[in-house]
Amino acid sequence: MKRYSFFAMLSRMKYITRWGLMRNSRQENLSEHTLEVAYIAHALAVLHGKVDPARVIMCALYHDCSEILTGDMPTPVKYYNPKIKQSYKEIEAAANQRLLGLLPEPMAKTYQKSFFEEDPQVISLVKAADKLSALIKCIEELRMGNDDFRQAKNAQLESLHAMNLPEVEQFMEEFLPAYELTLDEMQNIT
């Protein structure tokens, strides 16, 4: 019987720390981030109302898996230089193909849809959820007195507003303010 390492590789996400160039009050790993993105992506899909939430969740669950093999390159490096951005996308695609190669072929074909989503609505909701997760991290760090995240928070807000997605604006209006509250304050919201 052939053995496969796909799930063992995914379990390594807990060892990949995010925000490597920033001083963090609390470290965040890739597994934690992925779960939060999936929760938020599901909410955005429900608010959107015209896209399959399950498809969005599946795409969100695998959106950063390539970092198992590529590492988390800092955002300024991978997104602000167009040549590097394109090269990085190619590296991510190759890493995702390599991960899919760690599954039996029938499973790989099923998982391929989540790793290489083609529906632009699904992709935009997952990207928005990813940015919302980053914004939430910034809010949490600022609440802990870590001003190193002030500029990142502003950049995330600007990026989210520029997406022009009503469901994102609704999420930010209705759900985001609770991240500024203490646990006791959250429980008293009516």
N, C-alpha and C. Protein backbone atom coordinates (compact mmCIF):
# COMPACT_ATOMS: atom_id res chain seq x y z
N MET A 1 0.84 -1.18 0.00
CA MET A 1 0.00 0.00 0.00
C MET A 1 0.89 1.25 0.00
N LYS A 2 0.57 2.18 -0.87
CA LYS A 2 1.33 3.42 -0.96
C LYS A 2 0.97 4.35 0.20
N ARG A 3 1.95 5.11 0.67
CA ARG A 3 1.72 6.05 1.76
C ARG A 3 1.88 7.47 1.24
N TYR A 4 1.13 8.38 1.85
CA TYR A 4 1.09 9.77 1.40
C TYR A 4 1.35 10.71 2.57
N SER A 5 1.99 11.83 2.29
CA SER A 5 2.36 12.76 3.37
C SER A 5 1.61 14.09 3.34
N PHE A 6 0.56 14.20 2.54
CA PHE A 6 -0.17 15.46 2.39
C PHE A 6 -0.62 16.03 3.74
N PHE A 7 -1.31 15.24 4.53
CA PHE A 7 -1.87 15.74 5.78
C PHE A 7 -0.78 16.00 6.82
N ALA A 8 0.27 15.21 6.80
CA ALA A 8 1.41 15.47 7.69
C ALA A 8 2.08 16.79 7.32
N MET A 9 2.15 17.08 6.03
CA MET A 9 2.71 18.37 5.60
C MET A 9 1.82 19.52 6.06
N LEU A 10 0.50 19.37 5.90
CA LEU A 10 -0.41 20.44 6.34
C LEU A 10 -0.28 20.69 7.84
N SER A 11 0.00 19.64 8.59
CA SER A 11 0.12 19.82 10.04
C SER A 11 1.32 20.69 10.40
N ARG A 12 2.23 20.89 9.48
CA ARG A 12 3.40 21.74 9.70
C ARG A 12 3.04 23.23 9.69
N MET A 13 1.83 23.56 9.27
CA MET A 13 1.41 24.96 9.24
C MET A 13 1.48 25.60 10.62
N LYS A 14 1.34 24.80 11.65
CA LYS A 14 1.37 25.34 13.02
C LYS A 14 2.76 25.85 13.39
N TYR A 15 3.78 25.48 12.62
CA TYR A 15 5.14 25.92 12.91
C TYR A 15 5.54 27.15 12.11
N ILE A 16 4.68 27.60 11.21
CA ILE A 16 5.01 28.77 10.39
C ILE A 16 4.42 30.01 11.04
N THR A 17 5.29 30.89 11.48
CA THR A 17 4.88 32.10 12.17
C THR A 17 4.60 33.20 11.15
N ARG A 18 3.53 33.91 11.38
CA ARG A 18 3.17 35.03 10.50
C ARG A 18 3.75 36.34 11.05
N TRP A 19 3.73 37.36 10.22
CA TRP A 19 4.18 38.70 10.61
C TRP A 19 5.64 38.68 11.07
N GLY A 20 6.48 38.00 10.32
CA GLY A 20 7.88 37.82 10.70
C GLY A 20 8.70 39.08 10.86
N LEU A 21 8.35 40.15 10.15
CA LEU A 21 9.12 41.38 10.25
C LEU A 21 8.60 42.33 11.32
N MET A 22 7.53 41.94 11.98
CA MET A 22 6.90 42.81 12.97
C MET A 22 7.14 42.28 14.38
N ARG A 23 7.25 43.22 15.33
CA ARG A 23 7.28 42.82 16.74
C ARG A 23 5.85 42.47 17.11
N ASN A 24 5.64 41.29 17.64
CA ASN A 24 4.30 40.80 17.97
C ASN A 24 4.13 40.68 19.48
N SER A 25 2.99 41.14 19.98
CA SER A 25 2.65 40.91 21.38
C SER A 25 2.31 39.44 21.57
N ARG A 26 1.71 38.85 20.55
CA ARG A 26 1.34 37.44 20.56
C ARG A 26 1.60 36.87 19.17
N GLN A 27 2.39 35.83 19.12
CA GLN A 27 2.69 35.20 17.83
C GLN A 27 1.43 34.55 17.25
N GLU A 28 1.35 34.55 15.95
CA GLU A 28 0.24 33.91 15.24
C GLU A 28 0.85 32.93 14.24
N ASN A 29 0.34 31.70 14.22
CA ASN A 29 0.86 30.75 13.24
C ASN A 29 -0.11 30.62 12.06
N LEU A 30 0.36 29.95 11.04
CA LEU A 30 -0.41 29.82 9.81
C LEU A 30 -1.69 29.02 10.00
N SER A 31 -1.68 28.04 10.89
CA SER A 31 -2.90 27.27 11.15
C SER A 31 -3.98 28.15 11.76
N GLU A 32 -3.61 28.96 12.74
CA GLU A 32 -4.58 29.86 13.37
C GLU A 32 -5.15 30.83 12.35
N HIS A 33 -4.27 31.40 11.55
CA HIS A 33 -4.70 32.35 10.53
C HIS A 33 -5.67 31.70 9.54
N THR A 34 -5.34 30.49 9.11
CA THR A 34 -6.18 29.79 8.13
C THR A 34 -7.58 29.54 8.67
N LEU A 35 -7.67 29.12 9.91
CA LEU A 35 -8.98 28.88 10.51
C LEU A 35 -9.79 30.18 10.58
N GLU A 36 -9.14 31.27 11.00
CA GLU A 36 -9.85 32.55 11.06
C GLU A 36 -10.31 33.00 9.68
N VAL A 37 -9.46 32.83 8.67
CA VAL A 37 -9.84 33.20 7.30
C VAL A 37 -11.04 32.37 6.85
N ALA A 38 -11.07 31.08 7.18
CA ALA A 38 -12.20 30.23 6.80
C ALA A 38 -13.49 30.70 7.47
N TYR A 39 -13.42 31.04 8.76
CA TYR A 39 -14.60 31.56 9.46
C TYR A 39 -15.12 32.83 8.78
N ILE A 40 -14.21 33.74 8.52
CA ILE A 40 -14.60 35.04 7.93
C ILE A 40 -15.08 34.86 6.50
N ALA A 41 -14.40 34.01 5.73
CA ALA A 41 -14.82 33.77 4.34
C ALA A 41 -16.22 33.19 4.30
N HIS A 42 -16.52 32.30 5.22
CA HIS A 42 -17.87 31.73 5.30
C HIS A 42 -18.89 32.85 5.55
N ALA A 43 -18.59 33.71 6.50
CA ALA A 43 -19.49 34.83 6.80
C ALA A 43 -19.68 35.72 5.58
N LEU A 44 -18.61 36.02 4.87
CA LEU A 44 -18.71 36.87 3.68
C LEU A 44 -19.55 36.20 2.60
N ALA A 45 -19.40 34.89 2.45
CA ALA A 45 -20.20 34.16 1.46
C ALA A 45 -21.68 34.20 1.82
N VAL A 46 -21.98 34.06 3.11
CA VAL A 46 -23.38 34.12 3.56
C VAL A 46 -23.93 35.53 3.32
N LEU A 47 -23.16 36.54 3.66
CA LEU A 47 -23.59 37.92 3.43
C LEU A 47 -23.76 38.22 1.94
N HIS A 48 -22.88 37.64 1.13
CA HIS A 48 -22.95 37.83 -0.33
C HIS A 48 -24.24 37.23 -0.87
N GLY A 49 -24.54 36.00 -0.44
CA GLY A 49 -25.80 35.35 -0.79
C GLY A 49 -25.88 34.69 -2.15
N LYS A 50 -24.90 34.89 -3.02
CA LYS A 50 -25.00 34.32 -4.38
C LYS A 50 -23.82 33.43 -4.73
N VAL A 51 -23.07 33.04 -3.73
CA VAL A 51 -21.93 32.17 -3.97
C VAL A 51 -22.01 31.02 -2.96
N ASP A 52 -21.54 29.86 -3.36
CA ASP A 52 -21.61 28.67 -2.52
C ASP A 52 -20.65 28.81 -1.33
N PRO A 53 -21.17 28.92 -0.10
CA PRO A 53 -20.30 29.08 1.07
C PRO A 53 -19.30 27.93 1.23
N ALA A 54 -19.71 26.72 0.89
CA ALA A 54 -18.80 25.57 1.04
C ALA A 54 -17.58 25.73 0.13
N ARG A 55 -17.81 26.20 -1.05
CA ARG A 55 -16.70 26.40 -2.00
C ARG A 55 -15.75 27.48 -1.49
N VAL A 56 -16.30 28.53 -0.91
CA VAL A 56 -15.49 29.61 -0.36
C VAL A 56 -14.67 29.09 0.83
N ILE A 57 -15.31 28.32 1.70
CA ILE A 57 -14.60 27.77 2.86
C ILE A 57 -13.44 26.88 2.41
N MET A 58 -13.70 26.01 1.45
CA MET A 58 -12.65 25.10 0.99
C MET A 58 -11.47 25.87 0.40
N CYS A 59 -11.75 26.88 -0.36
CA CYS A 59 -10.68 27.71 -0.92
C CYS A 59 -9.91 28.40 0.20
N ALA A 60 -10.62 28.90 1.20
CA ALA A 60 -9.99 29.58 2.34
C ALA A 60 -9.09 28.63 3.12
N LEU A 61 -9.53 27.39 3.29
CA LEU A 61 -8.74 26.43 4.06
C LEU A 61 -7.38 26.14 3.43
N TYR A 62 -7.28 26.27 2.12
CA TYR A 62 -6.04 25.93 1.43
C TYR A 62 -5.34 27.15 0.84
N HIS A 63 -5.82 28.36 1.17
CA HIS A 63 -5.30 29.56 0.50
C HIS A 63 -3.82 29.85 0.78
N ASP A 64 -3.28 29.42 1.89
CA ASP A 64 -1.88 29.70 2.22
C ASP A 64 -1.02 28.45 2.36
N CYS A 65 -1.52 27.32 1.90
CA CYS A 65 -0.77 26.07 2.07
C CYS A 65 0.59 26.09 1.38
N SER A 66 0.71 26.85 0.32
CA SER A 66 2.00 26.90 -0.38
C SER A 66 3.12 27.37 0.53
N GLU A 67 2.77 28.13 1.58
CA GLU A 67 3.79 28.64 2.50
C GLU A 67 4.49 27.53 3.27
N ILE A 68 3.92 26.34 3.29
CA ILE A 68 4.60 25.19 3.90
C ILE A 68 5.92 24.96 3.17
N LEU A 69 5.89 25.11 1.86
CA LEU A 69 7.08 24.85 1.05
C LEU A 69 7.84 26.12 0.67
N THR A 70 7.17 27.27 0.66
CA THR A 70 7.83 28.50 0.21
C THR A 70 8.24 29.41 1.34
N GLY A 71 7.62 29.25 2.51
CA GLY A 71 7.85 30.20 3.59
C GLY A 71 6.97 31.41 3.40
N ASP A 72 6.84 32.20 4.42
CA ASP A 72 6.00 33.40 4.35
C ASP A 72 6.88 34.59 4.00
N MET A 73 6.95 34.90 2.71
CA MET A 73 7.74 36.04 2.27
C MET A 73 7.03 37.32 2.71
N PRO A 74 7.75 38.27 3.29
CA PRO A 74 7.11 39.51 3.75
C PRO A 74 6.35 40.22 2.63
N THR A 75 5.20 40.76 2.96
CA THR A 75 4.33 41.42 1.99
C THR A 75 5.05 42.46 1.14
N PRO A 76 5.87 43.34 1.72
CA PRO A 76 6.53 44.34 0.87
C PRO A 76 7.36 43.70 -0.24
N VAL A 77 7.94 42.56 0.02
CA VAL A 77 8.76 41.89 -0.97
C VAL A 77 7.91 41.25 -2.05
N LYS A 78 6.84 40.54 -1.65
CA LYS A 78 6.11 39.73 -2.63
C LYS A 78 5.02 40.48 -3.38
N TYR A 79 4.60 41.65 -2.93
CA TYR A 79 3.47 42.30 -3.60
C TYR A 79 3.77 43.66 -4.23
N TYR A 80 4.81 44.35 -3.84
CA TYR A 80 5.00 45.71 -4.34
C TYR A 80 5.86 45.80 -5.58
N ASN A 81 6.61 44.78 -5.89
CA ASN A 81 7.40 44.74 -7.10
C ASN A 81 6.69 43.80 -8.08
N PRO A 82 6.19 44.34 -9.22
CA PRO A 82 5.40 43.51 -10.15
C PRO A 82 6.12 42.24 -10.63
N LYS A 83 7.43 42.33 -10.90
CA LYS A 83 8.16 41.14 -11.37
C LYS A 83 8.23 40.09 -10.27
N ILE A 84 8.52 40.52 -9.05
CA ILE A 84 8.59 39.58 -7.94
C ILE A 84 7.21 39.01 -7.66
N LYS A 85 6.18 39.86 -7.75
CA LYS A 85 4.80 39.40 -7.51
C LYS A 85 4.45 38.26 -8.45
N GLN A 86 4.75 38.42 -9.74
CA GLN A 86 4.44 37.38 -10.72
C GLN A 86 5.27 36.13 -10.46
N SER A 87 6.55 36.31 -10.16
CA SER A 87 7.41 35.16 -9.86
C SER A 87 6.92 34.43 -8.63
N TYR A 88 6.50 35.19 -7.61
CA TYR A 88 6.02 34.56 -6.39
C TYR A 88 4.75 33.76 -6.64
N LYS A 89 3.85 34.28 -7.49
CA LYS A 89 2.63 33.54 -7.83
C LYS A 89 2.98 32.21 -8.51
N GLU A 90 3.99 32.24 -9.36
CA GLU A 90 4.43 31.01 -10.03
C GLU A 90 5.03 30.03 -9.03
N ILE A 91 5.79 30.55 -8.08
CA ILE A 91 6.38 29.69 -7.04
C ILE A 91 5.27 29.09 -6.18
N GLU A 92 4.26 29.91 -5.81
CA GLU A 92 3.13 29.40 -5.03
C GLU A 92 2.39 28.30 -5.79
N ALA A 93 2.16 28.51 -7.08
CA ALA A 93 1.46 27.51 -7.89
C ALA A 93 2.25 26.20 -7.94
N ALA A 94 3.56 26.31 -8.11
CA ALA A 94 4.40 25.11 -8.15
C ALA A 94 4.38 24.39 -6.80
N ALA A 95 4.40 25.16 -5.71
CA ALA A 95 4.35 24.56 -4.37
C ALA A 95 3.01 23.85 -4.16
N ASN A 96 1.93 24.48 -4.60
CA ASN A 96 0.61 23.85 -4.47
C ASN A 96 0.53 22.57 -5.29
N GLN A 97 1.10 22.58 -6.49
CA GLN A 97 1.11 21.35 -7.30
C GLN A 97 1.90 20.26 -6.60
N ARG A 98 3.00 20.65 -5.99
CA ARG A 98 3.82 19.67 -5.27
C ARG A 98 3.05 19.08 -4.09
N LEU A 99 2.32 19.93 -3.36
CA LEU A 99 1.50 19.43 -2.25
C LEU A 99 0.42 18.48 -2.75
N LEU A 100 -0.23 18.84 -3.84
CA LEU A 100 -1.26 17.96 -4.40
C LEU A 100 -0.68 16.62 -4.83
N GLY A 101 0.59 16.61 -5.21
CA GLY A 101 1.27 15.37 -5.58
C GLY A 101 1.48 14.44 -4.40
N LEU A 102 1.20 14.93 -3.19
CA LEU A 102 1.34 14.11 -1.98
C LEU A 102 0.04 13.40 -1.62
N LEU A 103 -0.92 13.45 -2.54
CA LEU A 103 -2.22 12.79 -2.37
C LEU A 103 -2.39 11.71 -3.44
N PRO A 104 -3.23 10.70 -3.18
CA PRO A 104 -3.59 9.78 -4.27
C PRO A 104 -4.26 10.59 -5.38
N GLU A 105 -4.07 10.18 -6.61
CA GLU A 105 -4.55 10.97 -7.75
C GLU A 105 -6.05 11.31 -7.70
N PRO A 106 -6.94 10.38 -7.35
CA PRO A 106 -8.36 10.76 -7.30
C PRO A 106 -8.63 11.87 -6.27
N MET A 107 -7.95 11.83 -5.14
CA MET A 107 -8.12 12.87 -4.14
C MET A 107 -7.52 14.19 -4.64
N ALA A 108 -6.36 14.11 -5.26
CA ALA A 108 -5.69 15.31 -5.77
C ALA A 108 -6.58 16.07 -6.74
N LYS A 109 -7.31 15.33 -7.58
CA LYS A 109 -8.22 15.99 -8.53
C LYS A 109 -9.31 16.75 -7.80
N THR A 110 -9.83 16.20 -6.72
CA THR A 110 -10.85 16.87 -5.93
C THR A 110 -10.28 18.09 -5.22
N TYR A 111 -9.11 17.94 -4.63
CA TYR A 111 -8.49 19.03 -3.88
C TYR A 111 -8.01 20.16 -4.80
N GLN A 112 -7.69 19.82 -6.02
CA GLN A 112 -7.19 20.81 -6.99
C GLN A 112 -8.14 22.01 -7.10
N LYS A 113 -9.43 21.75 -7.03
CA LYS A 113 -10.42 22.81 -7.14
C LYS A 113 -10.25 23.84 -6.02
N SER A 114 -9.89 23.39 -4.85
CA SER A 114 -9.72 24.30 -3.71
C SER A 114 -8.39 25.03 -3.76
N PHE A 115 -7.36 24.39 -4.28
CA PHE A 115 -6.05 25.01 -4.39
C PHE A 115 -5.97 25.99 -5.56
N PHE A 116 -6.72 25.71 -6.60
CA PHE A 116 -6.67 26.53 -7.82
C PHE A 116 -8.09 26.97 -8.22
N GLU A 117 -8.72 27.69 -7.34
CA GLU A 117 -10.08 28.18 -7.58
C GLU A 117 -10.07 29.13 -8.78
N GLU A 118 -11.12 29.03 -9.61
CA GLU A 118 -11.20 29.88 -10.80
C GLU A 118 -12.33 30.90 -10.74
N ASP A 119 -13.29 30.71 -9.86
CA ASP A 119 -14.42 31.63 -9.76
C ASP A 119 -13.94 32.95 -9.14
N PRO A 120 -14.01 34.05 -9.88
CA PRO A 120 -13.52 35.33 -9.35
C PRO A 120 -14.24 35.80 -8.09
N GLN A 121 -15.52 35.46 -7.95
CA GLN A 121 -16.25 35.85 -6.74
C GLN A 121 -15.71 35.11 -5.52
N VAL A 122 -15.46 33.82 -5.67
CA VAL A 122 -14.91 33.03 -4.58
C VAL A 122 -13.53 33.58 -4.21
N ILE A 123 -12.71 33.81 -5.21
CA ILE A 123 -11.35 34.32 -4.98
C ILE A 123 -11.39 35.66 -4.25
N SER A 124 -12.27 36.55 -4.68
CA SER A 124 -12.32 37.88 -4.04
C SER A 124 -12.80 37.79 -2.60
N LEU A 125 -13.72 36.89 -2.30
CA LEU A 125 -14.19 36.75 -0.92
C LEU A 125 -13.09 36.18 -0.02
N VAL A 126 -12.32 35.23 -0.54
CA VAL A 126 -11.22 34.67 0.25
C VAL A 126 -10.13 35.72 0.46
N LYS A 127 -9.83 36.49 -0.58
CA LYS A 127 -8.83 37.57 -0.42
C LYS A 127 -9.31 38.59 0.60
N ALA A 128 -10.58 38.91 0.56
CA ALA A 128 -11.13 39.86 1.54
C ALA A 128 -11.05 39.29 2.94
N ALA A 129 -11.36 38.01 3.09
CA ALA A 129 -11.28 37.36 4.41
C ALA A 129 -9.84 37.36 4.91
N ASP A 130 -8.90 37.14 4.02
CA ASP A 130 -7.48 37.16 4.37
C ASP A 130 -7.08 38.54 4.87
N LYS A 131 -7.54 39.57 4.19
CA LYS A 131 -7.24 40.95 4.60
C LYS A 131 -7.95 41.30 5.91
N LEU A 132 -9.17 40.82 6.08
CA LEU A 132 -9.88 41.06 7.34
C LEU A 132 -9.16 40.38 8.50
N SER A 133 -8.65 39.19 8.28
CA SER A 133 -7.88 38.51 9.31
C SER A 133 -6.63 39.32 9.68
N ALA A 134 -5.98 39.87 8.68
CA ALA A 134 -4.80 40.72 8.93
C ALA A 134 -5.21 41.97 9.70
N LEU A 135 -6.33 42.56 9.33
CA LEU A 135 -6.82 43.74 10.04
C LEU A 135 -7.13 43.40 11.50
N ILE A 136 -7.73 42.27 11.73
CA ILE A 136 -8.05 41.84 13.10
C ILE A 136 -6.75 41.66 13.90
N LYS A 137 -5.74 41.09 13.29
CA LYS A 137 -4.43 40.95 13.95
C LYS A 137 -3.91 42.34 14.34
N CYS A 138 -4.02 43.30 13.43
CA CYS A 138 -3.57 44.66 13.71
C CYS A 138 -4.34 45.27 14.89
N ILE A 139 -5.65 45.09 14.89
CA ILE A 139 -6.49 45.61 15.98
C ILE A 139 -6.07 44.99 17.32
N GLU A 140 -5.86 43.68 17.31
CA GLU A 140 -5.46 42.99 18.55
C GLU A 140 -4.11 43.49 19.05
N GLU A 141 -3.17 43.66 18.14
CA GLU A 141 -1.84 44.14 18.54
C GLU A 141 -1.91 45.58 19.07
N LEU A 142 -2.68 46.41 18.42
CA LEU A 142 -2.83 47.80 18.89
C LEU A 142 -3.49 47.84 20.26
N ARG A 143 -4.45 46.96 20.50
CA ARG A 143 -5.10 46.89 21.83
C ARG A 143 -4.10 46.52 22.91
N MET A 144 -3.07 45.78 22.53
CA MET A 144 -2.03 45.38 23.48
C MET A 144 -0.93 46.44 23.60
N GLY A 145 -1.15 47.59 22.96
CA GLY A 145 -0.18 48.68 23.05
C GLY A 145 0.96 48.59 22.06
N ASN A 146 0.84 47.73 21.06
CA ASN A 146 1.91 47.56 20.08
C ASN A 146 1.65 48.47 18.88
N ASP A 147 2.26 49.64 18.90
CA ASP A 147 2.06 50.63 17.83
C ASP A 147 2.73 50.23 16.52
N ASP A 148 3.51 49.16 16.52
CA ASP A 148 4.14 48.71 15.28
C ASP A 148 3.11 48.31 14.22
N PHE A 149 1.87 48.09 14.63
CA PHE A 149 0.83 47.65 13.71
C PHE A 149 -0.09 48.78 13.23
N ARG A 150 0.20 50.02 13.63
CA ARG A 150 -0.67 51.14 13.25
C ARG A 150 -0.72 51.34 11.73
N GLN A 151 0.44 51.39 11.12
CA GLN A 151 0.49 51.60 9.67
C GLN A 151 -0.11 50.40 8.92
N ALA A 152 0.14 49.20 9.41
CA ALA A 152 -0.42 47.99 8.78
C ALA A 152 -1.95 48.02 8.86
N LYS A 153 -2.49 48.49 9.98
CA LYS A 153 -3.95 48.58 10.12
C LYS A 153 -4.52 49.53 9.08
N ASN A 154 -3.91 50.69 8.93
CA ASN A 154 -4.39 51.66 7.95
C ASN A 154 -4.31 51.11 6.53
N ALA A 155 -3.23 50.41 6.23
CA ALA A 155 -3.07 49.82 4.90
C ALA A 155 -4.14 48.75 4.64
N GLN A 156 -4.44 47.93 5.64
CA GLN A 156 -5.47 46.90 5.48
C GLN A 156 -6.84 47.54 5.26
N LEU A 157 -7.15 48.56 6.06
CA LEU A 157 -8.44 49.25 5.91
C LEU A 157 -8.58 49.84 4.51
N GLU A 158 -7.54 50.50 4.05
CA GLU A 158 -7.56 51.11 2.72
C GLU A 158 -7.76 50.05 1.64
N SER A 159 -7.04 48.94 1.78
CA SER A 159 -7.14 47.85 0.82
C SER A 159 -8.53 47.23 0.81
N LEU A 160 -9.11 47.05 1.98
CA LEU A 160 -10.45 46.47 2.08
C LEU A 160 -11.51 47.39 1.47
N HIS A 161 -11.43 48.68 1.76
CA HIS A 161 -12.40 49.62 1.18
C HIS A 161 -12.26 49.65 -0.35
N ALA A 162 -11.03 49.54 -0.84
CA ALA A 162 -10.78 49.58 -2.29
C ALA A 162 -11.38 48.36 -3.01
N MET A 163 -11.66 47.29 -2.28
CA MET A 163 -12.24 46.10 -2.91
C MET A 163 -13.68 46.34 -3.34
N ASN A 164 -14.33 47.34 -2.76
CA ASN A 164 -15.72 47.68 -3.10
C ASN A 164 -16.66 46.49 -3.04
N LEU A 165 -16.58 45.74 -1.95
CA LEU A 165 -17.46 44.59 -1.76
C LEU A 165 -18.44 44.91 -0.63
N PRO A 166 -19.74 44.97 -0.93
CA PRO A 166 -20.73 45.32 0.10
C PRO A 166 -20.68 44.41 1.32
N GLU A 167 -20.41 43.12 1.10
CA GLU A 167 -20.36 42.18 2.23
C GLU A 167 -19.17 42.46 3.14
N VAL A 168 -18.09 42.97 2.58
CA VAL A 168 -16.93 43.35 3.39
C VAL A 168 -17.26 44.58 4.24
N GLU A 169 -17.90 45.56 3.61
CA GLU A 169 -18.29 46.77 4.35
C GLU A 169 -19.27 46.41 5.46
N GLN A 170 -20.19 45.51 5.17
CA GLN A 170 -21.16 45.08 6.17
C GLN A 170 -20.47 44.36 7.32
N PHE A 171 -19.53 43.48 7.00
CA PHE A 171 -18.78 42.77 8.05
C PHE A 171 -18.03 43.76 8.92
N MET A 172 -17.38 44.74 8.28
CA MET A 172 -16.61 45.72 9.05
C MET A 172 -17.51 46.58 9.93
N GLU A 173 -18.70 46.88 9.46
CA GLU A 173 -19.62 47.71 10.23
C GLU A 173 -20.26 46.93 11.38
N GLU A 174 -20.66 45.70 11.12
CA GLU A 174 -21.44 44.95 12.10
C GLU A 174 -20.62 44.05 13.03
N PHE A 175 -19.49 43.55 12.56
CA PHE A 175 -18.74 42.58 13.34
C PHE A 175 -17.38 43.07 13.82
N LEU A 176 -16.73 43.90 13.05
CA LEU A 176 -15.39 44.33 13.39
C LEU A 176 -15.30 45.13 14.70
N PRO A 177 -16.27 45.99 15.03
CA PRO A 177 -16.15 46.76 16.28
C PRO A 177 -16.01 45.90 17.53
N ALA A 178 -16.54 44.70 17.52
CA ALA A 178 -16.45 43.84 18.70
C ALA A 178 -15.01 43.44 19.01
N TYR A 179 -14.13 43.49 18.01
CA TYR A 179 -12.73 43.15 18.24
C TYR A 179 -12.01 44.21 19.09
N GLU A 180 -12.63 45.35 19.24
CA GLU A 180 -12.07 46.43 20.07
C GLU A 180 -12.50 46.28 21.53
N LEU A 181 -13.38 45.33 21.83
CA LEU A 181 -13.97 45.21 23.17
C LEU A 181 -13.27 44.17 24.02
N THR A 182 -13.47 44.29 25.32
CA THR A 182 -13.03 43.25 26.25
C THR A 182 -14.04 42.11 26.21
N LEU A 183 -13.70 41.00 26.80
CA LEU A 183 -14.62 39.86 26.84
C LEU A 183 -15.91 40.23 27.56
N ASP A 184 -15.82 40.93 28.67
CA ASP A 184 -17.02 41.36 29.40
C ASP A 184 -17.88 42.28 28.54
N GLU A 185 -17.25 43.20 27.84
CA GLU A 185 -18.01 44.12 26.98
C GLU A 185 -18.70 43.37 25.84
N MET A 186 -18.02 42.37 25.28
CA MET A 186 -18.62 41.57 24.20
C MET A 186 -19.89 40.87 24.65
N GLN A 187 -19.89 40.39 25.88
CA GLN A 187 -21.02 39.63 26.37
C GLN A 187 -22.23 40.53 26.67
N ASN A 188 -22.01 41.82 26.76
CA ASN A 188 -23.10 42.76 27.05
C ASN A 188 -23.66 43.44 25.81
N ILE A 189 -23.19 43.04 24.63
CA ILE A 189 -23.71 43.63 23.40
C ILE A 189 -25.12 43.07 23.15
N THR A 190 -26.05 43.98 22.83
CA THR A 190 -27.40 43.53 22.49
C THR A 190 -27.78 44.04 21.12
